Amino acid sequence: MIEWYQALSIAEQCYLVCAVVGGIAFFIELMLVLFGAEVNTDFDISDFAFKFISIQGLSAFGLVGGLVGFYAYDKQVKVY
């Protein structure tokens, strides 16, 4: 497994780390919600624009962005 990871390029490693970290955080949040635990991430010191940025949103962005980036880099998808 380590050999496979080290054989990847730096970009692929970054995408994979983003996907794994985002996936773990998203899974933990999902389990907390399913078992009834409330995660309060509403901070009163933040401005209105930052109220839309949540831990769940950041973890989902990391998960999906990492997976899509890893796939696109692997397949050499051209974005125009």
PDB file of N, CA and C in Angstrom:
ATOM      1  N   MET A   1       0.827  -1.191   0.000  1.00  0.00           N
ATOM      2  CA  MET A   1       0.000   0.000   0.000  1.00  0.00           C
ATOM      3  C   MET A   1       0.869   1.251   0.000  1.00  0.00           C
ATOM      4  N   ILE A   2       1.940   1.223   0.788  1.00  0.00           N
ATOM      5  CA  ILE A   2       2.836   2.369   0.849  1.00  0.00           C
ATOM      6  C   ILE A   2       3.530   2.568  -0.498  1.00  0.00           C
ATOM      7  N   GLU A   3       3.904   1.476  -1.148  1.00  0.00           N
ATOM      8  CA  GLU A   3       4.561   1.590  -2.450  1.00  0.00           C
ATOM      9  C   GLU A   3       3.619   2.213  -3.480  1.00  0.00           C
ATOM     10  N   TRP A   4       2.348   1.825  -3.421  1.00  0.00           N
ATOM     11  CA  TRP A   4       1.366   2.385  -4.355  1.00  0.00           C
ATOM     12  C   TRP A   4       1.203   3.883  -4.127  1.00  0.00           C
ATOM     13  N   TYR A   5       1.138   4.302  -2.864  1.00  0.00           N
ATOM     14  CA  TYR A   5       0.977   5.721  -2.540  1.00  0.00           C
ATOM     15  C   TYR A   5       2.207   6.516  -2.956  1.00  0.00           C
ATOM     16  N   GLN A   6       3.387   5.982  -2.731  1.00  0.00           N
ATOM     17  CA  GLN A   6       4.608   6.681  -3.097  1.00  0.00           C
ATOM     18  C   GLN A   6       4.806   6.742  -4.599  1.00  0.00           C
ATOM     19  N   ALA A   7       4.197   5.832  -5.348  1.00  0.00           N
ATOM     20  CA  ALA A   7       4.309   5.843  -6.802  1.00  0.00           C
ATOM     21  C   ALA A   7       3.431   6.922  -7.430  1.00  0.00           C
ATOM     22  N   LEU A   8       2.483   7.483  -6.668  1.00  0.00           N
ATOM     23  CA  LEU A   8       1.615   8.537  -7.186  1.00  0.00           C
ATOM     24  C   LEU A   8       2.381   9.847  -7.280  1.00  0.00           C
ATOM     25  N   SER A   9       1.904  10.725  -8.145  1.00  0.00           N
ATOM     26  CA  SER A   9       2.510  12.054  -8.245  1.00  0.00           C
ATOM     27  C   SER A   9       2.094  12.887  -7.031  1.00  0.00           C
ATOM     28  N   ILE A  10       2.728  14.036  -6.871  1.00  0.00           N
ATOM     29  CA  ILE A  10       2.424  14.917  -5.736  1.00  0.00           C
ATOM     30  C   ILE A  10       0.971  15.385  -5.792  1.00  0.00           C
ATOM     31  N   ALA A  11       0.484  15.723  -6.977  1.00  0.00           N
ATOM     32  CA  ALA A  11      -0.900  16.180  -7.124  1.00  0.00           C
ATOM     33  C   ALA A  11      -1.878  15.069  -6.741  1.00  0.00           C
ATOM     34  N   GLU A  12      -1.606  13.854  -7.195  1.00  0.00           N
ATOM     35  CA  GLU A  12      -2.484  12.736  -6.857  1.00  0.00           C
ATOM     36  C   GLU A  12      -2.466  12.450  -5.361  1.00  0.00           C
ATOM     37  N   GLN A  13      -1.308  12.581  -4.734  1.00  0.00           N
ATOM     38  CA  GLN A  13      -1.227  12.390  -3.289  1.00  0.00           C
ATOM     39  C   GLN A  13      -2.041  13.441  -2.547  1.00  0.00           C
ATOM     40  N   CYS A  14      -1.979  14.693  -3.006  1.00  0.00           N
ATOM     41  CA  CYS A  14      -2.755  15.764  -2.366  1.00  0.00           C
ATOM     42  C   CYS A  14      -4.255  15.521  -2.511  1.00  0.00           C
ATOM     43  N   TYR A  15      -4.690  15.138  -3.712  1.00  0.00           N
ATOM     44  CA  TYR A  15      -6.105  14.840  -3.929  1.00  0.00           C
ATOM     45  C   TYR A  15      -6.559  13.674  -3.045  1.00  0.00           C
ATOM     46  N   LEU A  16      -5.722  12.667  -2.946  1.00  0.00           N
ATOM     47  CA  LEU A  16      -6.084  11.495  -2.157  1.00  0.00           C
ATOM     48  C   LEU A  16      -6.156  11.833  -0.662  1.00  0.00           C
ATOM     49  N   VAL A  17      -5.226  12.636  -0.177  1.00  0.00           N
ATOM     50  CA  VAL A  17      -5.252  13.036   1.233  1.00  0.00           C
ATOM     51  C   VAL A  17      -6.492  13.876   1.516  1.00  0.00           C
ATOM     52  N   CYS A  18      -6.843  14.809   0.605  1.00  0.00           N
ATOM     53  CA  CYS A  18      -8.064  15.608   0.785  1.00  0.00           C
ATOM     54  C   CYS A  18      -9.298  14.724   0.837  1.00  0.00           C
ATOM     55  N   ALA A  19      -9.356  13.735  -0.044  1.00  0.00           N
ATOM     56  CA  ALA A  19     -10.513  12.842  -0.079  1.00  0.00           C
ATOM     57  C   ALA A  19     -10.604  12.002   1.198  1.00  0.00           C
ATOM     58  N   VAL A  20      -9.487  11.510   1.682  1.00  0.00           N
ATOM     59  CA  VAL A  20      -9.503  10.658   2.881  1.00  0.00           C
ATOM     60  C   VAL A  20      -9.847  11.477   4.119  1.00  0.00           C
ATOM     61  N   VAL A  21      -9.217  12.630   4.292  1.00  0.00           N
ATOM     62  CA  VAL A  21      -9.488  13.469   5.459  1.00  0.00           C
ATOM     63  C   VAL A  21     -10.940  13.956   5.437  1.00  0.00           C
ATOM     64  N   GLY A  22     -11.395  14.422   4.267  1.00  0.00           N
ATOM     65  CA  GLY A  22     -12.780  14.864   4.138  1.00  0.00           C
ATOM     66  C   GLY A  22     -13.764  13.733   4.376  1.00  0.00           C
ATOM     67  N   GLY A  23     -13.440  12.553   3.883  1.00  0.00           N
ATOM     68  CA  GLY A  23     -14.314  11.396   4.073  1.00  0.00           C
ATOM     69  C   GLY A  23     -14.405  10.966   5.523  1.00  0.00           C
ATOM     70  N   ILE A  24     -13.281  10.983   6.214  1.00  0.00           N
ATOM     71  CA  ILE A  24     -13.295  10.615   7.631  1.00  0.00           C
ATOM     72  C   ILE A  24     -14.106  11.618   8.440  1.00  0.00           C
ATOM     73  N   ALA A  25     -13.885  12.915   8.189  1.00  0.00           N
ATOM     74  CA  ALA A  25     -14.637  13.946   8.915  1.00  0.00           C
ATOM     75  C   ALA A  25     -16.128  13.856   8.604  1.00  0.00           C
ATOM     76  N   PHE A  26     -16.467  13.633   7.336  1.00  0.00           N
ATOM     77  CA  PHE A  26     -17.866  13.525   6.945  1.00  0.00           C
ATOM     78  C   PHE A  26     -18.516  12.306   7.589  1.00  0.00           C
ATOM     79  N   PHE A  27     -17.795  11.185   7.634  1.00  0.00           N
ATOM     80  CA  PHE A  27     -18.328   9.960   8.249  1.00  0.00           C
ATOM     81  C   PHE A  27     -18.545  10.144   9.748  1.00  0.00           C
ATOM     82  N   ILE A  28     -17.612  10.801  10.426  1.00  0.00           N
ATOM     83  CA  ILE A  28     -17.764  11.056  11.864  1.00  0.00           C
ATOM     84  C   ILE A  28     -18.984  11.929  12.119  1.00  0.00           C
ATOM     85  N   GLU A  29     -19.146  12.980  11.321  1.00  0.00           N
ATOM     86  CA  GLU A  29     -20.315  13.846  11.487  1.00  0.00           C
ATOM     87  C   GLU A  29     -21.607  13.096  11.212  1.00  0.00           C
ATOM     88  N   LEU A  30     -21.600  12.245  10.200  1.00  0.00           N
ATOM     89  CA  LEU A  30     -22.785  11.456   9.877  1.00  0.00           C
ATOM     90  C   LEU A  30     -23.158  10.528  11.026  1.00  0.00           C
ATOM     91  N   MET A  31     -22.172   9.881  11.619  1.00  0.00           N
ATOM     92  CA  MET A  31     -22.439   8.988  12.747  1.00  0.00           C
ATOM     93  C   MET A  31     -22.958   9.769  13.954  1.00  0.00           C
ATOM     94  N   LEU A  32     -22.408  10.952  14.208  1.00  0.00           N
ATOM     95  CA  LEU A  32     -22.879  11.757  15.325  1.00  0.00           C
ATOM     96  C   LEU A  32     -24.340  12.165  15.138  1.00  0.00           C
ATOM     97  N   VAL A  33     -24.689  12.524  13.915  1.00  0.00           N
ATOM     98  CA  VAL A  33     -26.073  12.922  13.642  1.00  0.00           C
ATOM     99  C   VAL A  33     -27.010  11.720  13.749  1.00  0.00           C
ATOM    100  N   LEU A  34     -26.577  10.558  13.254  1.00  0.00           N
ATOM    101  CA  LEU A  34     -27.429   9.368  13.314  1.00  0.00           C
ATOM    102  C   LEU A  34     -27.676   8.909  14.737  1.00  0.00           C
ATOM    103  N   PHE A  35     -26.715   9.107  15.625  1.00  0.00           N
ATOM    104  CA  PHE A  35     -26.881   8.687  17.006  1.00  0.00           C
ATOM    105  C   PHE A  35     -27.411   9.791  17.905  1.00  0.00           C
ATOM    106  N   GLY A  36     -27.787  10.917  17.322  1.00  0.00           N
ATOM    107  CA  GLY A  36     -28.472  11.953  18.070  1.00  0.00           C
ATOM    108  C   GLY A  36     -27.600  12.996  18.732  1.00  0.00           C
ATOM    109  N   ALA A  37     -26.314  12.975  18.488  1.00  0.00           N
ATOM    110  CA  ALA A  37     -25.436  13.992  19.076  1.00  0.00           C
ATOM    111  C   ALA A  37     -25.528  15.259  18.232  1.00  0.00           C
ATOM    112  N   GLU A  38     -25.616  16.387  18.888  1.00  0.00           N
ATOM    113  CA  GLU A  38     -25.671  17.658  18.175  1.00  0.00           C
ATOM    114  C   GLU A  38     -24.300  18.296  18.186  1.00  0.00           C
ATOM    115  N   VAL A  39     -23.854  18.673  17.014  1.00  0.00           N
ATOM    116  CA  VAL A  39     -22.568  19.347  16.888  1.00  0.00           C
ATOM    117  C   VAL A  39     -22.858  20.808  16.629  1.00  0.00           C
ATOM    118  N   ASN A  40     -22.550  21.650  17.600  1.00  0.00           N
ATOM    119  CA  ASN A  40     -22.824  23.072  17.473  1.00  0.00           C
ATOM    120  C   ASN A  40     -21.592  23.776  16.929  1.00  0.00           C
ATOM    121  N   THR A  41     -21.657  24.201  15.683  1.00  0.00           N
ATOM    122  CA  THR A  41     -20.546  24.922  15.068  1.00  0.00           C
ATOM    123  C   THR A  41     -20.947  26.346  14.751  1.00  0.00           C
ATOM    124  N   ASP A  42     -21.973  26.850  15.398  1.00  0.00           N
ATOM    125  CA  ASP A  42     -22.435  28.211  15.165  1.00  0.00           C
ATOM    126  C   ASP A  42     -21.694  29.140  16.116  1.00  0.00           C
ATOM    127  N   PHE A  43     -20.828  29.948  15.566  1.00  0.00           N
ATOM    128  CA  PHE A  43     -20.042  30.872  16.364  1.00  0.00           C
ATOM    129  C   PHE A  43     -20.630  32.266  16.228  1.00  0.00           C
ATOM    130  N   ASP A  44     -20.829  32.953  17.352  1.00  0.00           N
ATOM    131  CA  ASP A  44     -21.420  34.289  17.330  1.00  0.00           C
ATOM    132  C   ASP A  44     -20.435  35.358  16.886  1.00  0.00           C
ATOM    133  N   ILE A  45     -19.162  35.060  16.858  1.00  0.00           N
ATOM    134  CA  ILE A  45     -18.175  36.064  16.496  1.00  0.00           C
ATOM    135  C   ILE A  45     -17.993  36.174  14.987  1.00  0.00           C
ATOM    136  N   SER A  46     -18.580  35.268  14.227  1.00  0.00           N
ATOM    137  CA  SER A  46     -18.368  35.285  12.789  1.00  0.00           C
ATOM    138  C   SER A  46     -19.309  36.268  12.108  1.00  0.00           C
ATOM    139  N   ASP A  47     -18.879  36.712  10.961  1.00  0.00           N
ATOM    140  CA  ASP A  47     -19.667  37.614  10.139  1.00  0.00           C
ATOM    141  C   ASP A  47     -20.744  36.807   9.412  1.00  0.00           C
ATOM    142  N   PHE A  48     -21.696  37.496   8.796  1.00  0.00           N
ATOM    143  CA  PHE A  48     -22.801  36.828   8.100  1.00  0.00           C
ATOM    144  C   PHE A  48     -22.292  35.933   6.975  1.00  0.00           C
ATOM    145  N   ALA A  49     -21.268  36.383   6.253  1.00  0.00           N
ATOM    146  CA  ALA A  49     -20.761  35.614   5.120  1.00  0.00           C
ATOM    147  C   ALA A  49     -20.152  34.290   5.564  1.00  0.00           C
ATOM    148  N   PHE A  50     -19.610  34.223   6.766  1.00  0.00           N
ATOM    149  CA  PHE A  50     -18.973  33.002   7.235  1.00  0.00           C
ATOM    150  C   PHE A  50     -19.939  32.050   7.915  1.00  0.00           C
ATOM    151  N   LYS A  51     -21.191  32.410   8.072  1.00  0.00           N
ATOM    152  CA  LYS A  51     -22.159  31.498   8.673  1.00  0.00           C
ATOM    153  C   LYS A  51     -22.502  30.348   7.724  1.00  0.00           C
ATOM    154  N   PHE A  52     -22.203  30.518   6.433  1.00  0.00           N
ATOM    155  CA  PHE A  52     -22.471  29.459   5.469  1.00  0.00           C
ATOM    156  C   PHE A  52     -21.347  28.434   5.425  1.00  0.00           C
ATOM    157  N   ILE A  53     -20.203  28.767   6.000  1.00  0.00           N
ATOM    158  CA  ILE A  53     -19.083  27.839   6.033  1.00  0.00           C
ATOM    159  C   ILE A  53     -19.216  27.002   7.307  1.00  0.00           C
ATOM    160  N   SER A  54     -19.430  25.715   7.128  1.00  0.00           N
ATOM    161  CA  SER A  54     -19.577  24.824   8.274  1.00  0.00           C
ATOM    162  C   SER A  54     -18.564  23.688   8.164  1.00  0.00           C
ATOM    163  N   ILE A  55     -18.437  22.962   9.239  1.00  0.00           N
ATOM    164  CA  ILE A  55     -17.538  21.806   9.235  1.00  0.00           C
ATOM    165  C   ILE A  55     -18.036  20.757   8.247  1.00  0.00           C
ATOM    166  N   GLN A  56     -19.333  20.585   8.199  1.00  0.00           N
ATOM    167  CA  GLN A  56     -19.901  19.617   7.258  1.00  0.00           C
ATOM    168  C   GLN A  56     -19.661  20.038   5.816  1.00  0.00           C
ATOM    169  N   GLY A  57     -19.808  21.321   5.537  1.00  0.00           N
ATOM    170  CA  GLY A  57     -19.562  21.818   4.186  1.00  0.00           C
ATOM    171  C   GLY A  57     -18.107  21.672   3.773  1.00  0.00           C
ATOM    172  N   LEU A  58     -17.191  21.972   4.694  1.00  0.00           N
ATOM    173  CA  LEU A  58     -15.771  21.838   4.386  1.00  0.00           C
ATOM    174  C   LEU A  58     -15.360  20.379   4.195  1.00  0.00           C
ATOM    175  N   SER A  59     -15.911  19.492   5.013  1.00  0.00           N
ATOM    176  CA  SER A  59     -15.561  18.081   4.863  1.00  0.00           C
ATOM    177  C   SER A  59     -16.141  17.501   3.570  1.00  0.00           C
ATOM    178  N   ALA A  60     -17.350  17.898   3.203  1.00  0.00           N
ATOM    179  CA  ALA A  60     -17.938  17.431   1.947  1.00  0.00           C
ATOM    180  C   ALA A  60     -17.156  17.974   0.750  1.00  0.00           C
ATOM    181  N   PHE A  61     -16.713  19.234   0.847  1.00  0.00           N
ATOM    182  CA  PHE A  61     -15.908  19.817  -0.227  1.00  0.00           C
ATOM    183  C   PHE A  61     -14.592  19.060  -0.379  1.00  0.00           C
ATOM    184  N   GLY A  62     -13.943  18.741   0.737  1.00  0.00           N
ATOM    185  CA  GLY A  62     -12.696  17.982   0.671  1.00  0.00           C
ATOM    186  C   GLY A  62     -12.892  16.594   0.107  1.00  0.00           C
ATOM    187  N   LEU A  63     -13.968  15.938   0.514  1.00  0.00           N
ATOM    188  CA  LEU A  63     -14.264  14.589   0.044  1.00  0.00           C
ATOM    189  C   LEU A  63     -14.518  14.572  -1.455  1.00  0.00           C
ATOM    190  N   VAL A  64     -15.465  15.380  -1.895  1.00  0.00           N
ATOM    191  CA  VAL A  64     -15.849  15.377  -3.310  1.00  0.00           C
ATOM    192  C   VAL A  64     -14.739  15.977  -4.177  1.00  0.00           C
ATOM    193  N   GLY A  65     -14.154  17.072  -3.718  1.00  0.00           N
ATOM    194  CA  GLY A  65     -13.077  17.694  -4.490  1.00  0.00           C
ATOM    195  C   GLY A  65     -11.880  16.778  -4.645  1.00  0.00           C
ATOM    196  N   GLY A  66     -11.538  16.060  -3.590  1.00  0.00           N
ATOM    197  CA  GLY A  66     -10.421  15.128  -3.670  1.00  0.00           C
ATOM    198  C   GLY A  66     -10.704  13.961  -4.601  1.00  0.00           C
ATOM    199  N   LEU A  67     -11.903  13.413  -4.520  1.00  0.00           N
ATOM    200  CA  LEU A  67     -12.247  12.287  -5.396  1.00  0.00           C
ATOM    201  C   LEU A  67     -12.309  12.694  -6.863  1.00  0.00           C
ATOM    202  N   VAL A  68     -12.944  13.817  -7.128  1.00  0.00           N
ATOM    203  CA  VAL A  68     -13.059  14.283  -8.520  1.00  0.00           C
ATOM    204  C   VAL A  68     -11.692  14.683  -9.057  1.00  0.00           C
ATOM    205  N   GLY A  69     -10.892  15.369  -8.252  1.00  0.00           N
ATOM    206  CA  GLY A  69      -9.558  15.750  -8.690  1.00  0.00           C
ATOM    207  C   GLY A  69      -8.671  14.551  -8.945  1.00  0.00           C
ATOM    208  N   PHE A  70      -8.730  13.559  -8.076  1.00  0.00           N
ATOM    209  CA  PHE A  70      -7.940  12.340  -8.263  1.00  0.00           C
ATOM    210  C   PHE A  70      -8.352  11.616  -9.538  1.00  0.00           C
ATOM    211  N   TYR A  71      -9.646  11.506  -9.766  1.00  0.00           N
ATOM    212  CA  TYR A  71     -10.134  10.840 -10.979  1.00  0.00           C
ATOM    213  C   TYR A  71      -9.747  11.623 -12.231  1.00  0.00           C
ATOM    214  N   ALA A  72      -9.948  12.931 -12.197  1.00  0.00           N
ATOM    215  CA  ALA A  72      -9.651  13.753 -13.373  1.00  0.00           C
ATOM    216  C   ALA A  72      -8.158  13.765 -13.678  1.00  0.00           C
ATOM    217  N   TYR A  73      -7.329  13.798 -12.652  1.00  0.00           N
ATOM    218  CA  TYR A  73      -5.882  13.783 -12.864  1.00  0.00           C
ATOM    219  C   TYR A  73      -5.442  12.434 -13.410  1.00  0.00           C
ATOM    220  N   ASP A  74      -6.053  11.375 -12.919  1.00  0.00           N
ATOM    221  CA  ASP A  74      -5.694  10.032 -13.375  1.00  0.00           C
ATOM    222  C   ASP A  74      -6.099   9.810 -14.826  1.00  0.00           C
ATOM    223  N   LYS A  75      -7.251  10.326 -15.214  1.00  0.00           N
ATOM    224  CA  LYS A  75      -7.754  10.116 -16.572  1.00  0.00           C
ATOM    225  C   LYS A  75      -7.304  11.209 -17.534  1.00  0.00           C
ATOM    226  N   GLN A  76      -6.569  12.200 -17.035  1.00  0.00           N
ATOM    227  CA  GLN A  76      -6.108  13.334 -17.852  1.00  0.00           C
ATOM    228  C   GLN A  76      -7.271  14.011 -18.549  1.00  0.00           C
ATOM    229  N   VAL A  77      -8.323  14.299 -17.778  1.00  0.00           N
ATOM    230  CA  VAL A  77      -9.513  14.975 -18.296  1.00  0.00           C
ATOM    231  C   VAL A  77      -9.151  16.399 -18.617  1.00  0.00           C
ATOM    232  N   LYS A  78      -9.506  16.842 -19.814  1.00  0.00           N
ATOM    233  CA  LYS A  78      -9.240  18.208 -20.243  1.00  0.00           C
ATOM    234  C   LYS A  78     -10.431  19.083 -19.884  1.00  0.00           C
ATOM    235  N   VAL A  79     -10.173  20.171 -19.185  1.00  0.00           N
ATOM    236  CA  VAL A  79     -11.226  21.116 -18.801  1.00  0.00           C
ATOM    237  C   VAL A  79     -11.018  22.376 -19.608  1.00  0.00           C
ATOM    238  N   TYR A  80     -12.022  22.720 -20.394  1.00  0.00           N
ATOM    239  CA  TYR A  80     -11.914  23.924 -21.233  1.00  0.00           C
ATOM    240  C   TYR A  80     -12.834  24.984 -20.738  1.00  0.00           C
TER     241      TYR A  80
END
